[in-house]
């Protein structure tokens, strides 16, 4: 069962109050079939703990890796995943759709 947005954001707030580095990933756009709808969240903390979901499988692993970089170096970024690019087999969507995910550090 997936966590609710409220639970995910509450955990992000708790981690920040504890002094942990935190990033929030949010699905901002989908095309075709996508595993999670726009607005889905994944919160990640500096040690690699996470809660929520923006996709699943290899995509989620790539989002977590990018989030750890955002926590360390600041800024934000937009990530795009789908089956039509050269990363389709590494971090593609088996459902045939595409998604865009916004990753930001929570300060």
PDB file of N, CA and C in Angstrom:
ATOM      1  N   UNK A   1       0.837  -1.176   0.000  1.00  0.00           N
ATOM      2  CA  UNK A   1       0.000   0.000   0.000  1.00  0.00           C
ATOM      3  C   UNK A   1       0.882   1.240   0.000  1.00  0.00           C
ATOM      4  N   UNK A   2       0.557   2.192  -0.858  1.00  0.00           N
ATOM      5  CA  UNK A   2       1.339   3.414  -0.951  1.00  0.00           C
ATOM      6  C   UNK A   2       0.956   4.376   0.158  1.00  0.00           C
ATOM      7  N   UNK A   3       1.935   5.161   0.586  1.00  0.00           N
ATOM      8  CA  UNK A   3       1.693   6.177   1.601  1.00  0.00           C
ATOM      9  C   UNK A   3       0.901   7.327   1.007  1.00  0.00           C
ATOM     10  N   UNK A   4       0.150   8.016   1.841  1.00  0.00           N
ATOM     11  CA  UNK A   4      -0.598   9.178   1.384  1.00  0.00           C
ATOM     12  C   UNK A   4       0.333  10.379   1.271  1.00  0.00           C
ATOM     13  N   UNK A   5      -0.083  11.369   0.487  1.00  0.00           N
ATOM     14  CA  UNK A   5       0.711  12.591   0.366  1.00  0.00           C
ATOM     15  C   UNK A   5       0.948  13.221   1.732  1.00  0.00           C
ATOM     16  N   UNK A   6      -0.068  13.226   2.565  1.00  0.00           N
ATOM     17  CA  UNK A   6       0.071  13.827   3.890  1.00  0.00           C
ATOM     18  C   UNK A   6       1.148  13.108   4.703  1.00  0.00           C
ATOM     19  N   UNK A   7       1.163  11.786   4.669  1.00  0.00           N
ATOM     20  CA  UNK A   7       2.166  11.004   5.396  1.00  0.00           C
ATOM     21  C   UNK A   7       3.559  11.281   4.849  1.00  0.00           C
ATOM     22  N   UNK A   8       3.680  11.335   3.536  1.00  0.00           N
ATOM     23  CA  UNK A   8       4.972  11.578   2.889  1.00  0.00           C
ATOM     24  C   UNK A   8       5.511  12.956   3.274  1.00  0.00           C
ATOM     25  N   UNK A   9       4.677  13.975   3.186  1.00  0.00           N
ATOM     26  CA  UNK A   9       5.128  15.331   3.503  1.00  0.00           C
ATOM     27  C   UNK A   9       5.391  15.494   4.993  1.00  0.00           C
ATOM     28  N   UNK A  10       4.635  14.824   5.833  1.00  0.00           N
ATOM     29  CA  UNK A  10       4.888  14.864   7.280  1.00  0.00           C
ATOM     30  C   UNK A  10       6.252  14.245   7.601  1.00  0.00           C
ATOM     31  N   UNK A  11       6.579  13.148   6.917  1.00  0.00           N
ATOM     32  CA  UNK A  11       7.880  12.505   7.140  1.00  0.00           C
ATOM     33  C   UNK A  11       9.016  13.420   6.683  1.00  0.00           C
ATOM     34  N   UNK A  12       8.829  14.108   5.552  1.00  0.00           N
ATOM     35  CA  UNK A  12       9.839  15.065   5.087  1.00  0.00           C
ATOM     36  C   UNK A  12      10.071  16.138   6.134  1.00  0.00           C
ATOM     37  N   UNK A  13       8.995  16.638   6.711  1.00  0.00           N
ATOM     38  CA  UNK A  13       9.105  17.666   7.751  1.00  0.00           C
ATOM     39  C   UNK A  13       9.835  17.124   8.981  1.00  0.00           C
ATOM     40  N   UNK A  14       9.526  15.910   9.381  1.00  0.00           N
ATOM     41  CA  UNK A  14      10.193  15.287  10.527  1.00  0.00           C
ATOM     42  C   UNK A  14      11.686  15.138  10.268  1.00  0.00           C
ATOM     43  N   UNK A  15      12.035  14.623   9.091  1.00  0.00           N
ATOM     44  CA  UNK A  15      13.451  14.457   8.755  1.00  0.00           C
ATOM     45  C   UNK A  15      14.185  15.789   8.767  1.00  0.00           C
ATOM     46  N   UNK A  16      13.566  16.849   8.252  1.00  0.00           N
ATOM     47  CA  UNK A  16      14.208  18.182   8.251  1.00  0.00           C
ATOM     48  C   UNK A  16      14.407  18.677   9.682  1.00  0.00           C
ATOM     49  N   UNK A  17      13.397  18.516  10.534  1.00  0.00           N
ATOM     50  CA  UNK A  17      13.535  18.943  11.937  1.00  0.00           C
ATOM     51  C   UNK A  17      14.651  18.190  12.645  1.00  0.00           C
ATOM     52  N   UNK A  18      14.915  16.965  12.220  1.00  0.00           N
ATOM     53  CA  UNK A  18      15.999  16.164  12.795  1.00  0.00           C
ATOM     54  C   UNK A  18      17.361  16.547  12.219  1.00  0.00           C
ATOM     55  N   UNK A  19      17.377  17.499  11.299  1.00  0.00           N
ATOM     56  CA  UNK A  19      18.639  17.963  10.715  1.00  0.00           C
ATOM     57  C   UNK A  19      19.134  17.149   9.542  1.00  0.00           C
ATOM     58  N   UNK A  20      18.286  16.292   9.002  1.00  0.00           N
ATOM     59  CA  UNK A  20      18.696  15.484   7.846  1.00  0.00           C
ATOM     60  C   UNK A  20      18.509  16.274   6.555  1.00  0.00           C
ATOM     61  N   UNK A  21      19.358  16.000   5.569  1.00  0.00           N
ATOM     62  CA  UNK A  21      19.157  16.548   4.235  1.00  0.00           C
ATOM     63  C   UNK A  21      17.997  15.831   3.583  1.00  0.00           C
ATOM     64  N   UNK A  22      17.107  16.589   2.926  1.00  0.00           N
ATOM     65  CA  UNK A  22      15.888  16.002   2.372  1.00  0.00           C
ATOM     66  C   UNK A  22      15.624  16.560   0.975  1.00  0.00           C
ATOM     67  N   UNK A  23      15.163  15.689   0.081  1.00  0.00           N
ATOM     68  CA  UNK A  23      14.700  16.110  -1.238  1.00  0.00           C
ATOM     69  C   UNK A  23      13.287  15.569  -1.449  1.00  0.00           C
ATOM     70  N   UNK A  24      12.535  16.302  -2.256  1.00  0.00           N
ATOM     71  CA  UNK A  24      11.190  15.892  -2.611  1.00  0.00           C
ATOM     72  C   UNK A  24      11.109  15.759  -4.119  1.00  0.00           C
ATOM     73  N   UNK A  25      10.662  14.600  -4.584  1.00  0.00           N
ATOM     74  CA  UNK A  25      10.452  14.356  -6.012  1.00  0.00           C
ATOM     75  C   UNK A  25       8.945  14.297  -6.252  1.00  0.00           C
ATOM     76  N   UNK A  26       8.495  14.988  -7.308  1.00  0.00           N
ATOM     77  CA  UNK A  26       7.068  15.068  -7.610  1.00  0.00           C
ATOM     78  C   UNK A  26       6.847  14.822  -9.097  1.00  0.00           C
ATOM     79  N   UNK A  27       5.912  13.946  -9.434  1.00  0.00           N
ATOM     80  CA  UNK A  27       5.530  13.748 -10.838  1.00  0.00           C
ATOM     81  C   UNK A  27       4.828  15.023 -11.295  1.00  0.00           C
ATOM     82  N   UNK A  28       5.379  15.667 -12.346  1.00  0.00           N
ATOM     83  CA  UNK A  28       4.794  16.928 -12.822  1.00  0.00           C
ATOM     84  C   UNK A  28       4.095  16.789 -14.164  1.00  0.00           C
ATOM     85  N   UNK A  29       4.372  15.688 -14.872  1.00  0.00           N
ATOM     86  CA  UNK A  29       3.720  15.507 -16.167  1.00  0.00           C
ATOM     87  C   UNK A  29       3.807  14.043 -16.567  1.00  0.00           C
ATOM     88  N   UNK A  30       2.758  13.558 -17.228  1.00  0.00           N
ATOM     89  CA  UNK A  30       2.769  12.192 -17.765  1.00  0.00           C
ATOM     90  C   UNK A  30       2.237  12.225 -19.190  1.00  0.00           C
ATOM     91  N   UNK A  31       2.681  11.245 -19.991  1.00  0.00           N
ATOM     92  CA  UNK A  31       2.160  11.029 -21.342  1.00  0.00           C
ATOM     93  C   UNK A  31       1.881   9.543 -21.469  1.00  0.00           C
ATOM     94  N   UNK A  32       0.756   9.212 -22.039  1.00  0.00           N
ATOM     95  CA  UNK A  32       0.429   7.797 -22.228  1.00  0.00           C
ATOM     96  C   UNK A  32       0.229   7.102 -20.895  1.00  0.00           C
ATOM     97  N   UNK A  33       0.542   5.841 -20.868  1.00  0.00           N
ATOM     98  CA  UNK A  33       0.388   5.042 -19.663  1.00  0.00           C
ATOM     99  C   UNK A  33       1.536   5.339 -18.706  1.00  0.00           C
ATOM    100  N   UNK A  34       1.214   5.666 -17.470  1.00  0.00           N
ATOM    101  CA  UNK A  34       2.231   5.967 -16.460  1.00  0.00           C
ATOM    102  C   UNK A  34       1.852   5.285 -15.148  1.00  0.00           C
ATOM    103  N   UNK A  35       2.844   4.789 -14.409  1.00  0.00           N
ATOM    104  CA  UNK A  35       2.543   4.038 -13.195  1.00  0.00           C
ATOM    105  C   UNK A  35       1.967   4.877 -12.055  1.00  0.00           C
ATOM    106  N   UNK A  36       2.279   6.179 -12.012  1.00  0.00           N
ATOM    107  CA  UNK A  36       1.788   7.042 -10.938  1.00  0.00           C
ATOM    108  C   UNK A  36       1.265   8.333 -11.561  1.00  0.00           C
ATOM    109  N   UNK A  37       0.223   8.918 -10.997  1.00  0.00           N
ATOM    110  CA  UNK A  37      -0.360  10.131 -11.573  1.00  0.00           C
ATOM    111  C   UNK A  37       0.425  11.394 -11.225  1.00  0.00           C
ATOM    112  N   UNK A  38       0.141  12.463 -11.954  1.00  0.00           N
ATOM    113  CA  UNK A  38       0.713  13.770 -11.650  1.00  0.00           C
ATOM    114  C   UNK A  38       0.394  14.094 -10.191  1.00  0.00           C
ATOM    115  N   UNK A  39       1.393  14.650  -9.505  1.00  0.00           N
ATOM    116  CA  UNK A  39       1.235  15.004  -8.095  1.00  0.00           C
ATOM    117  C   UNK A  39       1.754  13.954  -7.138  1.00  0.00           C
ATOM    118  N   UNK A  40       2.121  12.771  -7.635  1.00  0.00           N
ATOM    119  CA  UNK A  40       2.664  11.726  -6.762  1.00  0.00           C
ATOM    120  C   UNK A  40       4.022  12.170  -6.226  1.00  0.00           C
ATOM    121  N   UNK A  41       4.300  11.816  -4.960  1.00  0.00           N
ATOM    122  CA  UNK A  41       5.519  12.260  -4.293  1.00  0.00           C
ATOM    123  C   UNK A  41       6.396  11.096  -3.844  1.00  0.00           C
ATOM    124  N   UNK A  42       7.696  11.398  -3.800  1.00  0.00           N
ATOM    125  CA  UNK A  42       8.703  10.526  -3.201  1.00  0.00           C
ATOM    126  C   UNK A  42       9.610  11.439  -2.404  1.00  0.00           C
ATOM    127  N   UNK A  43       9.751  11.190  -1.100  1.00  0.00           N
ATOM    128  CA  UNK A  43      10.654  11.975  -0.270  1.00  0.00           C
ATOM    129  C   UNK A  43      11.868  11.103   0.036  1.00  0.00           C
ATOM    130  N   UNK A  44      13.049  11.729  -0.054  1.00  0.00           N
ATOM    131  CA  UNK A  44      14.315  11.016   0.112  1.00  0.00           C
ATOM    132  C   UNK A  44      15.154  11.775   1.118  1.00  0.00           C
ATOM    133  N   UNK A  45      15.831  11.052   2.027  1.00  0.00           N
ATOM    134  CA  UNK A  45      16.743  11.722   2.948  1.00  0.00           C
ATOM    135  C   UNK A  45      18.177  11.302   2.654  1.00  0.00           C
ATOM    136  N   UNK A  46      19.110  12.093   3.157  1.00  0.00           N
ATOM    137  CA  UNK A  46      20.525  11.980   2.829  1.00  0.00           C
ATOM    138  C   UNK A  46      21.087  10.561   2.918  1.00  0.00           C
ATOM    139  N   UNK A  47      20.625   9.751   3.861  1.00  0.00           N
ATOM    140  CA  UNK A  47      21.146   8.396   4.016  1.00  0.00           C
ATOM    141  C   UNK A  47      20.500   7.382   3.067  1.00  0.00           C
ATOM    142  N   UNK A  48      19.607   7.859   2.195  1.00  0.00           N
ATOM    143  CA  UNK A  48      18.993   6.982   1.209  1.00  0.00           C
ATOM    144  C   UNK A  48      17.646   6.409   1.619  1.00  0.00           C
ATOM    145  N   UNK A  49      17.165   6.746   2.814  1.00  0.00           N
ATOM    146  CA  UNK A  49      15.819   6.326   3.198  1.00  0.00           C
ATOM    147  C   UNK A  49      14.812   7.093   2.359  1.00  0.00           C
ATOM    148  N   UNK A  50      13.693   6.466   2.029  1.00  0.00           N
ATOM    149  CA  UNK A  50      12.693   7.144   1.208  1.00  0.00           C
ATOM    150  C   UNK A  50      11.303   6.638   1.548  1.00  0.00           C
ATOM    151  N   UNK A  51      10.310   7.442   1.147  1.00  0.00           N
ATOM    152  CA  UNK A  51       8.918   7.112   1.374  1.00  0.00           C
ATOM    153  C   UNK A  51       8.110   7.654   0.216  1.00  0.00           C
ATOM    154  N   UNK A  52       7.165   6.878  -0.286  1.00  0.00           N
ATOM    155  CA  UNK A  52       6.327   7.296  -1.395  1.00  0.00           C
ATOM    156  C   UNK A  52       6.769   6.641  -2.688  1.00  0.00           C
ATOM    157  N   UNK A  53       6.240   7.160  -3.802  1.00  0.00           N
ATOM    158  CA  UNK A  53       6.582   6.586  -5.097  1.00  0.00           C
ATOM    159  C   UNK A  53       6.254   7.565  -6.219  1.00  0.00           C
ATOM    160  N   UNK A  54       7.147   7.630  -7.203  1.00  0.00           N
ATOM    161  CA  UNK A  54       6.889   8.399  -8.412  1.00  0.00           C
ATOM    162  C   UNK A  54       6.786   7.498  -9.635  1.00  0.00           C
ATOM    163  N   UNK A  55       7.188   6.226  -9.496  1.00  0.00           N
ATOM    164  CA  UNK A  55       7.113   5.310 -10.630  1.00  0.00           C
ATOM    165  C   UNK A  55       7.294   3.872 -10.200  1.00  0.00           C
ATOM    166  N   UNK A  56       8.469   3.529  -9.798  1.00  0.00           N
ATOM    167  CA  UNK A  56       8.795   2.150  -9.441  1.00  0.00           C
ATOM    168  C   UNK A  56      10.012   1.681 -10.211  1.00  0.00           C
ATOM    169  N   UNK A  57      10.545   0.546  -9.820  1.00  0.00           N
ATOM    170  CA  UNK A  57      11.656  -0.074 -10.522  1.00  0.00           C
ATOM    171  C   UNK A  57      12.870   0.811 -10.685  1.00  0.00           C
ATOM    172  N   UNK A  58      13.496   0.701 -11.862  1.00  0.00           N
ATOM    173  CA  UNK A  58      14.732   1.435 -12.150  1.00  0.00           C
ATOM    174  C   UNK A  58      14.526   2.943 -12.144  1.00  0.00           C
ATOM    175  N   UNK A  59      13.358   3.402 -12.545  1.00  0.00           N
ATOM    176  CA  UNK A  59      13.082   4.839 -12.547  1.00  0.00           C
ATOM    177  C   UNK A  59      13.216   5.378 -11.132  1.00  0.00           C
ATOM    178  N   UNK A  60      12.617   4.702 -10.178  1.00  0.00           N
ATOM    179  CA  UNK A  60      12.689   5.147  -8.788  1.00  0.00           C
ATOM    180  C   UNK A  60      14.142   5.185  -8.313  1.00  0.00           C
ATOM    181  N   UNK A  61      14.932   4.197  -8.694  1.00  0.00           N
ATOM    182  CA  UNK A  61      16.350   4.185  -8.331  1.00  0.00           C
ATOM    183  C   UNK A  61      17.097   5.377  -8.894  1.00  0.00           C
ATOM    184  N   UNK A  62      16.819   5.738 -10.134  1.00  0.00           N
ATOM    185  CA  UNK A  62      17.458   6.910 -10.735  1.00  0.00           C
ATOM    186  C   UNK A  62      17.006   8.195 -10.056  1.00  0.00           C
ATOM    187  N   UNK A  63      15.721   8.287  -9.711  1.00  0.00           N
ATOM    188  CA  UNK A  63      15.210   9.478  -9.025  1.00  0.00           C
ATOM    189  C   UNK A  63      15.880   9.619  -7.660  1.00  0.00           C
ATOM    190  N   UNK A  64      16.048   8.529  -6.950  1.00  0.00           N
ATOM    191  CA  UNK A  64      16.710   8.570  -5.647  1.00  0.00           C
ATOM    192  C   UNK A  64      18.159   9.023  -5.809  1.00  0.00           C
ATOM    193  N   UNK A  65      18.873   8.474  -6.782  1.00  0.00           N
ATOM    194  CA  UNK A  65      20.268   8.876  -7.013  1.00  0.00           C
ATOM    195  C   UNK A  65      20.373  10.362  -7.336  1.00  0.00           C
ATOM    196  N   UNK A  66      19.505  10.860  -8.205  1.00  0.00           N
ATOM    197  CA  UNK A  66      19.507  12.292  -8.541  1.00  0.00           C
ATOM    198  C   UNK A  66      19.140  13.133  -7.324  1.00  0.00           C
ATOM    199  N   UNK A  67      18.222  12.639  -6.510  1.00  0.00           N
ATOM    200  CA  UNK A  67      17.808  13.361  -5.306  1.00  0.00           C
ATOM    201  C   UNK A  67      18.959  13.491  -4.315  1.00  0.00           C
ATOM    202  N   UNK A  68      19.741  12.444  -4.174  1.00  0.00           N
ATOM    203  CA  UNK A  68      20.895  12.508  -3.278  1.00  0.00           C
ATOM    204  C   UNK A  68      21.886  13.564  -3.747  1.00  0.00           C
ATOM    205  N   UNK A  69      22.057  13.704  -5.062  1.00  0.00           N
ATOM    206  CA  UNK A  69      22.924  14.748  -5.604  1.00  0.00           C
ATOM    207  C   UNK A  69      22.342  16.135  -5.319  1.00  0.00           C
ATOM    208  N   UNK A  70      21.030  16.286  -5.456  1.00  0.00           N
ATOM    209  CA  UNK A  70      20.372  17.566  -5.167  1.00  0.00           C
ATOM    210  C   UNK A  70      20.523  17.912  -3.685  1.00  0.00           C
ATOM    211  N   UNK A  71      20.388  16.924  -2.808  1.00  0.00           N
ATOM    212  CA  UNK A  71      20.571  17.172  -1.371  1.00  0.00           C
ATOM    213  C   UNK A  71      21.984  17.686  -1.125  1.00  0.00           C
ATOM    214  N   UNK A  72      22.960  17.049  -1.733  1.00  0.00           N
ATOM    215  CA  UNK A  72      24.369  17.403  -1.520  1.00  0.00           C
ATOM    216  C   UNK A  72      24.738  18.750  -2.137  1.00  0.00           C
ATOM    217  N   UNK A  73      24.263  19.013  -3.350  1.00  0.00           N
ATOM    218  CA  UNK A  73      24.744  20.178  -4.100  1.00  0.00           C
ATOM    219  C   UNK A  73      23.728  21.299  -4.264  1.00  0.00           C
ATOM    220  N   UNK A  74      22.502  21.092  -3.820  1.00  0.00           N
ATOM    221  CA  UNK A  74      21.475  22.125  -3.931  1.00  0.00           C
ATOM    222  C   UNK A  74      20.845  22.162  -5.307  1.00  0.00           C
ATOM    223  N   UNK A  75      20.037  23.177  -5.513  1.00  0.00           N
ATOM    224  CA  UNK A  75      19.355  23.338  -6.788  1.00  0.00           C
ATOM    225  C   UNK A  75      18.168  22.411  -6.915  1.00  0.00           C
ATOM    226  N   UNK A  76      17.705  22.294  -8.126  1.00  0.00           N
ATOM    227  CA  UNK A  76      16.595  21.412  -8.455  1.00  0.00           C
ATOM    228  C   UNK A  76      16.816  20.936  -9.880  1.00  0.00           C
ATOM    229  N   UNK A  77      16.040  19.955 -10.278  1.00  0.00           N
ATOM    230  CA  UNK A  77      16.132  19.478 -11.667  1.00  0.00           C
ATOM    231  C   UNK A  77      14.854  18.773 -12.070  1.00  0.00           C
ATOM    232  N   UNK A  78      14.661  18.721 -13.379  1.00  0.00           N
ATOM    233  CA  UNK A  78      13.539  17.990 -13.955  1.00  0.00           C
ATOM    234  C   UNK A  78      14.117  16.771 -14.666  1.00  0.00           C
ATOM    235  N   UNK A  79      13.588  15.607 -14.338  1.00  0.00           N
ATOM    236  CA  UNK A  79      14.027  14.344 -14.932  1.00  0.00           C
ATOM    237  C   UNK A  79      12.912  13.815 -15.825  1.00  0.00           C
ATOM    238  N   UNK A  80      13.295  13.210 -16.942  1.00  0.00           N
ATOM    239  CA  UNK A  80      12.298  12.630 -17.839  1.00  0.00           C
ATOM    240  C   UNK A  80      12.653  11.176 -18.115  1.00  0.00           C
ATOM    241  N   UNK A  81      11.645  10.320 -18.065  1.00  0.00           N
ATOM    242  CA  UNK A  81      11.829   8.891 -18.299  1.00  0.00           C
ATOM    243  C   UNK A  81      10.769   8.395 -19.268  1.00  0.00           C
ATOM    244  N   UNK A  82      11.179   7.479 -20.150  1.00  0.00           N
ATOM    245  CA  UNK A  82      10.241   6.879 -21.091  1.00  0.00           C
ATOM    246  C   UNK A  82      10.903   5.754 -21.849  1.00  0.00           C
ATOM    247  N   UNK A  83      10.196   5.184 -22.803  1.00  0.00           N
ATOM    248  CA  UNK A  83      10.734   4.059 -23.569  1.00  0.00           C
ATOM    249  C   UNK A  83      11.362   4.492 -24.880  1.00  0.00           C
ATOM    250  N   UNK A  84      11.214   5.744 -25.249  1.00  0.00           N
ATOM    251  CA  UNK A  84      11.665   6.176 -26.567  1.00  0.00           C
ATOM    252  C   UNK A  84      13.108   6.681 -26.598  1.00  0.00           C
ATOM    253  N   UNK A  85      13.800   6.660 -25.498  1.00  0.00           N
ATOM    254  CA  UNK A  85      15.168   7.177 -25.502  1.00  0.00           C
ATOM    255  C   UNK A  85      16.179   6.064 -25.273  1.00  0.00           C
ATOM    256  N   UNK A  86      17.454   6.421 -25.286  1.00  0.00           N
ATOM    257  CA  UNK A  86      18.521   5.424 -25.168  1.00  0.00           C
ATOM    258  C   UNK A  86      18.584   4.776 -23.795  1.00  0.00           C
ATOM    259  N   UNK A  87      17.875   5.334 -22.795  1.00  0.00           N
ATOM    260  CA  UNK A  87      17.881   4.744 -21.463  1.00  0.00           C
ATOM    261  C   UNK A  87      16.677   3.844 -21.228  1.00  0.00           C
ATOM    262  N   UNK A  88      15.937   3.533 -22.262  1.00  0.00           N
ATOM    263  CA  UNK A  88      14.685   2.789 -22.101  1.00  0.00           C
ATOM    264  C   UNK A  88      14.875   1.482 -21.346  1.00  0.00           C
ATOM    265  N   UNK A  89      15.926   0.756 -21.611  1.00  0.00           N
ATOM    266  CA  UNK A  89      16.100  -0.532 -20.942  1.00  0.00           C
ATOM    267  C   UNK A  89      16.774  -0.387 -19.592  1.00  0.00           C
ATOM    268  N   UNK A  90      17.493   0.723 -19.397  1.00  0.00           N
ATOM    269  CA  UNK A  90      18.137   0.945 -18.103  1.00  0.00           C
ATOM    270  C   UNK A  90      17.140   1.514 -17.103  1.00  0.00           C
ATOM    271  N   UNK A  91      16.397   2.535 -17.501  1.00  0.00           N
ATOM    272  CA  UNK A  91      15.463   3.189 -16.579  1.00  0.00           C
ATOM    273  C   UNK A  91      14.209   3.610 -17.326  1.00  0.00           C
ATOM    274  N   UNK A  92      13.699   2.738 -18.126  1.00  0.00           N
ATOM    275  CA  UNK A  92      12.509   3.076 -18.899  1.00  0.00           C
ATOM    276  C   UNK A  92      11.235   2.648 -18.203  1.00  0.00           C
ATOM    277  N   UNK A  93      10.140   3.027 -18.802  1.00  0.00           N
ATOM    278  CA  UNK A  93       8.833   2.651 -18.282  1.00  0.00           C
ATOM    279  C   UNK A  93       8.291   1.490 -19.099  1.00  0.00           C
ATOM    280  N   UNK A  94       8.130   0.373 -18.469  1.00  0.00           N
ATOM    281  CA  UNK A  94       7.648  -0.813 -19.183  1.00  0.00           C
ATOM    282  C   UNK A  94       6.213  -0.643 -19.670  1.00  0.00           C
ATOM    283  N   UNK A  95       5.505   0.338 -19.115  1.00  0.00           N
ATOM    284  CA  UNK A  95       4.107   0.559 -19.513  1.00  0.00           C
ATOM    285  C   UNK A  95       3.995   1.317 -20.827  1.00  0.00           C
ATOM    286  N   UNK A  96       5.115   1.815 -21.358  1.00  0.00           N
ATOM    287  CA  UNK A  96       5.096   2.492 -22.644  1.00  0.00           C
ATOM    288  C   UNK A  96       4.884   3.986 -22.580  1.00  0.00           C
ATOM    289  N   UNK A  97       4.677   4.547 -21.405  1.00  0.00           N
ATOM    290  CA  UNK A  97       4.459   5.983 -21.276  1.00  0.00           C
ATOM    291  C   UNK A  97       5.743   6.740 -20.996  1.00  0.00           C
ATOM    292  N   UNK A  98       5.570   8.009 -20.670  1.00  0.00           N
ATOM    293  CA  UNK A  98       6.693   8.865 -20.260  1.00  0.00           C
ATOM    294  C   UNK A  98       6.240   9.684 -19.057  1.00  0.00           C
ATOM    295  N   UNK A  99       7.205  10.006 -18.197  1.00  0.00           N
ATOM    296  CA  UNK A  99       6.917  10.877 -17.059  1.00  0.00           C
ATOM    297  C   UNK A  99       8.017  11.913 -16.911  1.00  0.00           C
ATOM    298  N   UNK A 100       7.654  13.052 -16.326  1.00  0.00           N
ATOM    299  CA  UNK A 100       8.617  14.073 -15.911  1.00  0.00           C
ATOM    300  C   UNK A 100       8.483  14.222 -14.408  1.00  0.00           C
ATOM    301  N   UNK A 101       9.645  14.290 -13.738  1.00  0.00           N
ATOM    302  CA  UNK A 101       9.683  14.360 -12.276  1.00  0.00           C
ATOM    303  C   UNK A 101      10.537  15.561 -11.882  1.00  0.00           C
ATOM    304  N   UNK A 102       9.993  16.416 -11.022  1.00  0.00           N
ATOM    305  CA  UNK A 102      10.706  17.561 -10.492  1.00  0.00           C
ATOM    306  C   UNK A 102      11.309  17.169  -9.161  1.00  0.00           C
ATOM    307  N   UNK A 103      12.617  17.399  -8.997  1.00  0.00           N
ATOM    308  CA  UNK A 103      13.321  17.074  -7.770  1.00  0.00           C
ATOM    309  C   UNK A 103      13.854  18.369  -7.170  1.00  0.00           C
ATOM    310  N   UNK A 104      13.560  18.583  -5.875  1.00  0.00           N
ATOM    311  CA  UNK A 104      14.022  19.788  -5.185  1.00  0.00           C
ATOM    312  C   UNK A 104      14.494  19.455  -3.781  1.00  0.00           C
ATOM    313  N   UNK A 105      15.501  20.197  -3.342  1.00  0.00           N
ATOM    314  CA  UNK A 105      15.958  20.047  -1.959  1.00  0.00           C
ATOM    315  C   UNK A 105      15.015  20.821  -1.058  1.00  0.00           C
ATOM    316  N   UNK A 106      14.683  20.235   0.075  1.00  0.00           N
ATOM    317  CA  UNK A 106      13.822  20.884   1.061  1.00  0.00           C
ATOM    318  C   UNK A 106      14.717  21.479   2.143  1.00  0.00           C
ATOM    319  N   UNK A 107      14.703  22.783   2.233  1.00  0.00           N
ATOM    320  CA  UNK A 107      15.538  23.467   3.239  1.00  0.00           C
ATOM    321  C   UNK A 107      14.705  23.992   4.387  1.00  0.00           C
TER     322      UNK A 107
END
